[in-house]
């Protein structure tokens, strides 16, 4: 097991629950429906990839390959960039800071990092000779 990945997944999972609750109860009076949808997408993808990170941490105990480590790091970076940029877009929308809409341009980079994490994880498992 990769303890760091499992602990990080636990913390990011708790954060996703808190952010989701905040979005459902705290933001509805301030954010437009479009901004709320963006925020919900950020929470969903963070939550999905918390499980991917936890899986990477657990798999590393059975398949101690560098690809598993790379996948976990890609999942962390992808969550930070993808979900983080969407959280920022929501904040900027609520604060009417339209000059920061360019942050949305980095969201696809986060998505690519998440996809790369899945691909690298799959190849690491596929290459394992056990």
C-alpha atoms as a PDB file:
ATOM      1  CA  UNK A   1       0.000   0.000   0.000  1.00  0.00           C
ATOM      2  CA  UNK A   2       1.104   3.543  -0.659  1.00  0.00           C
ATOM      3  CA  UNK A   3       0.111   5.210   2.598  1.00  0.00           C
ATOM      4  CA  UNK A   4       0.549   8.737   1.229  1.00  0.00           C
ATOM      5  CA  UNK A   5      -1.943   8.174  -1.581  1.00  0.00           C
ATOM      6  CA  UNK A   6      -4.526   6.623   0.743  1.00  0.00           C
ATOM      7  CA  UNK A   7      -4.185   9.437   3.297  1.00  0.00           C
ATOM      8  CA  UNK A   8      -4.337  12.088   0.559  1.00  0.00           C
ATOM      9  CA  UNK A   9      -7.417  10.393  -0.923  1.00  0.00           C
ATOM     10  CA  UNK A  10      -9.059  10.430   2.513  1.00  0.00           C
ATOM     11  CA  UNK A  11      -8.384  14.136   2.986  1.00  0.00           C
ATOM     12  CA  UNK A  12      -9.489  15.039  -0.534  1.00  0.00           C
ATOM     13  CA  UNK A  13     -12.605  12.898  -0.069  1.00  0.00           C
ATOM     14  CA  UNK A  14     -13.501  14.727   3.139  1.00  0.00           C
ATOM     15  CA  UNK A  15     -12.887  18.033   1.348  1.00  0.00           C
ATOM     16  CA  UNK A  16     -15.169  16.937  -1.511  1.00  0.00           C
ATOM     17  CA  UNK A  17     -17.985  16.191   0.954  1.00  0.00           C
ATOM     18  CA  UNK A  18     -17.532  19.578   2.630  1.00  0.00           C
ATOM     19  CA  UNK A  19     -17.360  21.429  -0.688  1.00  0.00           C
ATOM     20  CA  UNK A  20     -20.377  19.530  -1.976  1.00  0.00           C
ATOM     21  CA  UNK A  21     -22.409  20.440   1.115  1.00  0.00           C
ATOM     22  CA  UNK A  22     -21.292  24.054   0.829  1.00  0.00           C
ATOM     23  CA  UNK A  23     -22.346  24.089  -2.826  1.00  0.00           C
ATOM     24  CA  UNK A  24     -25.728  22.559  -2.089  1.00  0.00           C
ATOM     25  CA  UNK A  25     -26.547  24.800   0.859  1.00  0.00           C
ATOM     26  CA  UNK A  26     -24.309  27.859   0.841  1.00  0.00           C
ATOM     27  CA  UNK A  27     -23.914  28.791  -2.787  1.00  0.00           C
ATOM     28  CA  UNK A  28     -27.449  28.449  -4.108  1.00  0.00           C
ATOM     29  CA  UNK A  29     -28.362  31.982  -3.028  1.00  0.00           C
ATOM     30  CA  UNK A  30     -25.269  33.532  -4.609  1.00  0.00           C
ATOM     31  CA  UNK A  31     -24.361  31.610  -7.737  1.00  0.00           C
ATOM     32  CA  UNK A  32     -26.155  31.446 -11.055  1.00  0.00           C
ATOM     33  CA  UNK A  33     -27.435  28.057 -12.229  1.00  0.00           C
ATOM     34  CA  UNK A  34     -24.511  27.906 -14.669  1.00  0.00           C
ATOM     35  CA  UNK A  35     -21.978  28.611 -11.919  1.00  0.00           C
ATOM     36  CA  UNK A  36     -23.620  26.019  -9.653  1.00  0.00           C
ATOM     37  CA  UNK A  37     -23.416  23.454 -12.444  1.00  0.00           C
ATOM     38  CA  UNK A  38     -19.715  24.239 -12.883  1.00  0.00           C
ATOM     39  CA  UNK A  39     -19.176  23.860  -9.139  1.00  0.00           C
ATOM     40  CA  UNK A  40     -21.056  20.542  -9.042  1.00  0.00           C
ATOM     41  CA  UNK A  41     -18.892  19.241 -11.891  1.00  0.00           C
ATOM     42  CA  UNK A  42     -15.773  20.141  -9.896  1.00  0.00           C
ATOM     43  CA  UNK A  43     -17.035  18.291  -6.823  1.00  0.00           C
ATOM     44  CA  UNK A  44     -18.092  15.218  -8.835  1.00  0.00           C
ATOM     45  CA  UNK A  45     -14.784  14.867 -10.619  1.00  0.00           C
ATOM     46  CA  UNK A  46     -12.848  15.407  -7.410  1.00  0.00           C
ATOM     47  CA  UNK A  47     -14.887  12.677  -5.750  1.00  0.00           C
ATOM     48  CA  UNK A  48     -14.513  10.231  -8.645  1.00  0.00           C
ATOM     49  CA  UNK A  49     -10.766  10.661  -8.643  1.00  0.00           C
ATOM     50  CA  UNK A  50     -10.453  10.355  -4.883  1.00  0.00           C
ATOM     51  CA  UNK A  51     -11.419   6.733  -5.491  1.00  0.00           C
ATOM     52  CA  UNK A  52      -8.892   6.448  -8.314  1.00  0.00           C
ATOM     53  CA  UNK A  53      -6.182   7.756  -5.991  1.00  0.00           C
ATOM     54  CA  UNK A  54      -7.213   5.364  -3.215  1.00  0.00           C
ATOM     55  CA  UNK A  55      -7.189   2.506  -5.729  1.00  0.00           C
ATOM     56  CA  UNK A  56      -3.682   3.492  -6.793  1.00  0.00           C
ATOM     57  CA  UNK A  57      -2.560   3.510  -3.177  1.00  0.00           C
ATOM     58  CA  UNK A  58      -4.011   0.079  -2.499  1.00  0.00           C
ATOM     59  CA  UNK A  59      -2.809  -1.424  -5.796  1.00  0.00           C
ATOM     60  CA  UNK A  60       0.734  -0.276  -5.067  1.00  0.00           C
ATOM     61  CA  UNK A  61       0.835  -2.845  -2.263  1.00  0.00           C
ATOM     62  CA  UNK A  62       0.259  -5.602  -4.829  1.00  0.00           C
ATOM     63  CA  UNK A  63       1.969  -4.049  -7.839  1.00  0.00           C
ATOM     64  CA  UNK A  64       4.876  -1.892  -6.633  1.00  0.00           C
ATOM     65  CA  UNK A  65       5.491  -0.434 -10.086  1.00  0.00           C
ATOM     66  CA  UNK A  66       6.560   3.093 -10.914  1.00  0.00           C
ATOM     67  CA  UNK A  67       3.520   3.377 -13.187  1.00  0.00           C
ATOM     68  CA  UNK A  68       1.213   3.098 -10.172  1.00  0.00           C
ATOM     69  CA  UNK A  69       3.094   5.963  -8.511  1.00  0.00           C
ATOM     70  CA  UNK A  70       2.916   8.034 -11.667  1.00  0.00           C
ATOM     71  CA  UNK A  71      -0.822   7.395 -11.976  1.00  0.00           C
ATOM     72  CA  UNK A  72      -1.428   8.522  -8.397  1.00  0.00           C
ATOM     73  CA  UNK A  73       0.550  11.700  -8.955  1.00  0.00           C
ATOM     74  CA  UNK A  74      -1.381  12.358 -12.172  1.00  0.00           C
ATOM     75  CA  UNK A  75      -4.678  11.933 -10.320  1.00  0.00           C
ATOM     76  CA  UNK A  76      -3.599  14.430  -7.648  1.00  0.00           C
ATOM     77  CA  UNK A  77      -2.395  16.958 -10.219  1.00  0.00           C
ATOM     78  CA  UNK A  78      -5.496  16.430 -12.364  1.00  0.00           C
ATOM     79  CA  UNK A  79      -7.840  17.013  -9.444  1.00  0.00           C
ATOM     80  CA  UNK A  80      -5.957  20.158  -8.483  1.00  0.00           C
ATOM     81  CA  UNK A  81      -6.005  21.601 -11.994  1.00  0.00           C
ATOM     82  CA  UNK A  82      -9.412  20.364 -13.209  1.00  0.00           C
ATOM     83  CA  UNK A  83     -11.525  20.772 -10.095  1.00  0.00           C
ATOM     84  CA  UNK A  84      -9.448  23.662  -8.783  1.00  0.00           C
ATOM     85  CA  UNK A  85      -9.942  25.700 -11.926  1.00  0.00           C
ATOM     86  CA  UNK A  86     -13.695  25.036 -11.837  1.00  0.00           C
ATOM     87  CA  UNK A  87     -13.891  26.084  -8.178  1.00  0.00           C
ATOM     88  CA  UNK A  88     -12.048  29.276  -9.105  1.00  0.00           C
ATOM     89  CA  UNK A  89     -14.363  29.915 -12.061  1.00  0.00           C
ATOM     90  CA  UNK A  90     -17.347  29.622  -9.739  1.00  0.00           C
ATOM     91  CA  UNK A  91     -15.801  32.042  -7.254  1.00  0.00           C
ATOM     92  CA  UNK A  92     -14.893  34.509  -9.997  1.00  0.00           C
ATOM     93  CA  UNK A  93     -18.436  34.306 -11.379  1.00  0.00           C
ATOM     94  CA  UNK A  94     -19.993  35.036  -7.989  1.00  0.00           C
ATOM     95  CA  UNK A  95     -17.523  37.877  -7.356  1.00  0.00           C
ATOM     96  CA  UNK A  96     -18.145  39.182 -10.895  1.00  0.00           C
ATOM     97  CA  UNK A  97     -14.428  39.121 -11.632  1.00  0.00           C
ATOM     98  CA  UNK A  98     -14.861  38.573 -15.354  1.00  0.00           C
ATOM     99  CA  UNK A  99     -11.225  39.364 -16.116  1.00  0.00           C
ATOM    100  CA  UNK A 100     -10.337  35.929 -14.693  1.00  0.00           C
ATOM    101  CA  UNK A 101     -12.495  33.853 -17.036  1.00  0.00           C
ATOM    102  CA  UNK A 102      -9.269  32.728 -18.725  1.00  0.00           C
ATOM    103  CA  UNK A 103      -8.858  30.244 -15.841  1.00  0.00           C
ATOM    104  CA  UNK A 104     -11.336  28.068 -17.717  1.00  0.00           C
ATOM    105  CA  UNK A 105      -8.700  27.550 -20.383  1.00  0.00           C
ATOM    106  CA  UNK A 106      -6.611  25.416 -18.017  1.00  0.00           C
ATOM    107  CA  UNK A 107      -9.487  23.100 -17.070  1.00  0.00           C
ATOM    108  CA  UNK A 108      -8.881  20.787 -20.076  1.00  0.00           C
ATOM    109  CA  UNK A 109      -5.250  20.393 -18.978  1.00  0.00           C
ATOM    110  CA  UNK A 110      -6.536  18.992 -15.709  1.00  0.00           C
ATOM    111  CA  UNK A 111      -8.837  16.693 -17.643  1.00  0.00           C
ATOM    112  CA  UNK A 112      -5.903  15.416 -19.691  1.00  0.00           C
ATOM    113  CA  UNK A 113      -3.962  14.750 -16.486  1.00  0.00           C
ATOM    114  CA  UNK A 114      -6.878  12.693 -15.172  1.00  0.00           C
ATOM    115  CA  UNK A 115      -7.147  10.726 -18.413  1.00  0.00           C
ATOM    116  CA  UNK A 116      -3.377  10.155 -18.375  1.00  0.00           C
ATOM    117  CA  UNK A 117      -3.667   8.848 -14.817  1.00  0.00           C
ATOM    118  CA  UNK A 118      -6.194   6.230 -15.901  1.00  0.00           C
ATOM    119  CA  UNK A 119      -4.145   5.214 -18.935  1.00  0.00           C
ATOM    120  CA  UNK A 120      -0.911   4.938 -16.944  1.00  0.00           C
ATOM    121  CA  UNK A 121      -2.691   2.974 -14.213  1.00  0.00           C
ATOM    122  CA  UNK A 122      -4.118   0.566 -16.784  1.00  0.00           C
ATOM    123  CA  UNK A 123      -0.749   0.025 -18.453  1.00  0.00           C
ATOM    124  CA  UNK A 124       0.992  -0.511 -15.104  1.00  0.00           C
ATOM    125  CA  UNK A 125      -1.495  -3.240 -14.205  1.00  0.00           C
ATOM    126  CA  UNK A 126      -1.366  -4.738 -17.703  1.00  0.00           C
ATOM    127  CA  UNK A 127       2.457  -4.933 -17.633  1.00  0.00           C
ATOM    128  CA  UNK A 128       2.529  -6.592 -14.201  1.00  0.00           C
ATOM    129  CA  UNK A 129       3.763 -10.146 -14.419  1.00  0.00           C
ATOM    130  CA  UNK A 130       2.306 -11.609 -11.265  1.00  0.00           C
END
